[in-house]
Amino acid sequence: MRLDPWKCPECDQPAKGTLETIPGIALLLFDEDGNAEYFGQTDVCWDGQTTVRDDRDRVRLICADGHEWLASINETNPQPIWRTEP
C-alpha cells in the first residue's frame, strides 16, 4: 500500500501507524440494590478493529511524537511504503 503523505507534516518522521478504533465491553459490578460500578477491566473485541478514516476515505496516521494527520491510501499499489537501499 502507499500512503500520501507518509511522513509527518510537523516533524518529517515516518508514520508509526494508523489510528484505530477497537470496540470493547467495560465490565460492571452490581451491588444488591442494582447500583453499578466499573470493574476496572475492558474485554477488547479485536475482530471489530477498524482504521479511522474521514469522509474522503483518508486514513489518520500518527508519528512517534504523537502528531496526527490524514493521508490518502492506495491499497492496491504493491510498492512498499519504506525502502532501504541495498
C-alpha atoms as a PDB file:
ATOM      1  CA  MET A   1       0.000   0.000   0.000  1.00  0.00           C
ATOM      2  CA  ARG A   2       1.034   3.613  -0.449  1.00  0.00           C
ATOM      3  CA  LEU A   3       0.182   6.487   1.873  1.00  0.00           C
ATOM      4  CA  ASP A   4       0.382  10.144   0.895  1.00  0.00           C
ATOM      5  CA  PRO A   5       1.836  11.811   2.833  1.00  0.00           C
ATOM      6  CA  TRP A   6       3.596   9.004   4.674  1.00  0.00           C
ATOM      7  CA  LYS A   7       5.797  11.342   6.701  1.00  0.00           C
ATOM      8  CA  CYS A   8       4.566  13.666   9.437  1.00  0.00           C
ATOM      9  CA  PRO A   9       3.922  17.213   8.173  1.00  0.00           C
ATOM     10  CA  GLU A  10       5.160  18.611  11.520  1.00  0.00           C
ATOM     11  CA  CYS A  11       8.374  16.673  12.211  1.00  0.00           C
ATOM     12  CA  ASP A  12       9.073  14.707   8.993  1.00  0.00           C
ATOM     13  CA  GLN A  13       9.132  11.325  10.770  1.00  0.00           C
ATOM     14  CA  PRO A  14       7.530   8.363   9.005  1.00  0.00           C
ATOM     15  CA  ALA A  15       4.154   7.263  10.295  1.00  0.00           C
ATOM     16  CA  LYS A  16       4.318   4.932  13.281  1.00  0.00           C
ATOM     17  CA  GLY A  17       0.909   3.527  12.357  1.00  0.00           C
ATOM     18  CA  THR A  18      -2.746   4.166  11.718  1.00  0.00           C
ATOM     19  CA  LEU A  19      -5.153   5.356  14.374  1.00  0.00           C
ATOM     20  CA  GLU A  20      -7.603   2.537  15.115  1.00  0.00           C
ATOM     21  CA  THR A  21     -10.965   2.147  16.791  1.00  0.00           C
ATOM     22  CA  ILE A  22     -11.352  -1.042  18.807  1.00  0.00           C
ATOM     23  CA  PRO A  23     -14.694  -1.811  20.464  1.00  0.00           C
ATOM     24  CA  GLY A  24     -14.707  -3.137  23.975  1.00  0.00           C
ATOM     25  CA  ILE A  25     -17.003  -4.102  26.794  1.00  0.00           C
ATOM     26  CA  ALA A  26     -16.312  -2.191  30.013  1.00  0.00           C
ATOM     27  CA  LEU A  27     -17.144  -4.702  32.726  1.00  0.00           C
ATOM     28  CA  LEU A  28     -19.532  -3.714  35.524  1.00  0.00           C
ATOM     29  CA  LEU A  29     -20.050  -4.821  39.124  1.00  0.00           C
ATOM     30  CA  PHE A  30     -23.510  -4.574  40.724  1.00  0.00           C
ATOM     31  CA  ASP A  31     -24.386  -4.379  44.408  1.00  0.00           C
ATOM     32  CA  GLU A  32     -27.514  -5.943  45.917  1.00  0.00           C
ATOM     33  CA  ASP A  33     -29.546  -2.794  45.150  1.00  0.00           C
ATOM     34  CA  GLY A  34     -28.641  -2.788  41.453  1.00  0.00           C
ATOM     35  CA  ASN A  35     -26.127   0.086  41.657  1.00  0.00           C
ATOM     36  CA  ALA A  36     -23.272  -0.396  39.224  1.00  0.00           C
ATOM     37  CA  GLU A  37     -19.586   0.479  39.263  1.00  0.00           C
ATOM     38  CA  TYR A  38     -16.970  -0.090  36.627  1.00  0.00           C
ATOM     39  CA  PHE A  39     -14.921  -3.198  37.380  1.00  0.00           C
ATOM     40  CA  GLY A  40     -11.728  -1.622  36.017  1.00  0.00           C
ATOM     41  CA  GLN A  41     -11.322  -4.026  33.131  1.00  0.00           C
ATOM     42  CA  THR A  42     -12.404  -3.982  29.484  1.00  0.00           C
ATOM     43  CA  ASP A  43     -12.848  -7.003  27.238  1.00  0.00           C
ATOM     44  CA  VAL A  44     -11.457  -5.911  23.865  1.00  0.00           C
ATOM     45  CA  CYS A  45     -13.258  -7.129  20.728  1.00  0.00           C
ATOM     46  CA  TRP A  46     -10.316  -7.398  18.318  1.00  0.00           C
ATOM     47  CA  ASP A  47     -12.483  -8.624  15.423  1.00  0.00           C
ATOM     48  CA  GLY A  48     -14.202  -5.222  15.407  1.00  0.00           C
ATOM     49  CA  GLN A  49     -10.972  -3.235  14.923  1.00  0.00           C
ATOM     50  CA  THR A  50     -11.242  -0.584  12.184  1.00  0.00           C
ATOM     51  CA  THR A  51      -8.924   2.093  10.851  1.00  0.00           C
ATOM     52  CA  VAL A  52     -10.081   5.672  11.497  1.00  0.00           C
ATOM     53  CA  ARG A  53     -10.979   7.267   8.125  1.00  0.00           C
ATOM     54  CA  ASP A  54     -12.565  10.566   7.133  1.00  0.00           C
ATOM     55  CA  ASP A  55     -15.459  11.067   4.692  1.00  0.00           C
ATOM     56  CA  ARG A  56     -12.962  11.071   1.776  1.00  0.00           C
ATOM     57  CA  ASP A  57     -11.615   7.644   2.886  1.00  0.00           C
ATOM     58  CA  ARG A  58      -8.284   9.106   4.033  1.00  0.00           C
ATOM     59  CA  VAL A  59      -6.683   7.302   6.971  1.00  0.00           C
ATOM     60  CA  ARG A  60      -5.486   9.026  10.141  1.00  0.00           C
ATOM     61  CA  LEU A  61      -1.772   8.423  10.719  1.00  0.00           C
ATOM     62  CA  ILE A  62       0.316   9.078  13.818  1.00  0.00           C
ATOM     63  CA  CYS A  63       4.082   9.509  14.239  1.00  0.00           C
ATOM     64  CA  ALA A  64       6.278   8.551  17.201  1.00  0.00           C
ATOM     65  CA  ASP A  65       5.901  12.095  18.598  1.00  0.00           C
ATOM     66  CA  GLY A  66       2.105  11.773  18.660  1.00  0.00           C
ATOM     67  CA  HIS A  67       1.320  14.124  15.756  1.00  0.00           C
ATOM     68  CA  GLU A  68      -1.724  13.072  13.727  1.00  0.00           C
ATOM     69  CA  TRP A  69      -2.528  13.762  10.073  1.00  0.00           C
ATOM     70  CA  LEU A  70      -4.751  12.477   7.271  1.00  0.00           C
ATOM     71  CA  ALA A  71      -3.299  10.587   4.321  1.00  0.00           C
ATOM     72  CA  SER A  72      -4.731   9.161   1.138  1.00  0.00           C
ATOM     73  CA  ILE A  73      -4.240   5.430   0.788  1.00  0.00           C
ATOM     74  CA  ASN A  74      -3.745   3.238  -2.251  1.00  0.00           C
ATOM     75  CA  GLU A  75      -4.156  -0.314  -1.018  1.00  0.00           C
ATOM     76  CA  THR A  76      -3.719  -1.882  -4.469  1.00  0.00           C
ATOM     77  CA  ASN A  77      -0.269  -0.428  -5.200  1.00  0.00           C
ATOM     78  CA  PRO A  78       2.282  -3.149  -4.404  1.00  0.00           C
ATOM     79  CA  GLN A  79       5.102  -0.652  -3.814  1.00  0.00           C
ATOM     80  CA  PRO A  80       6.428  -0.628  -0.251  1.00  0.00           C
ATOM     81  CA  ILE A  81       5.990   2.424   1.933  1.00  0.00           C
ATOM     82  CA  TRP A  82       9.566   2.315   3.215  1.00  0.00           C
ATOM     83  CA  ARG A  83      12.549   1.300   1.163  1.00  0.00           C
ATOM     84  CA  THR A  84      16.051   0.621   2.328  1.00  0.00           C
ATOM     85  CA  GLU A  85      18.866   0.824  -0.156  1.00  0.00           C
ATOM     86  CA  PRO A  86      20.781  -2.455  -0.777  1.00  0.00           C
END
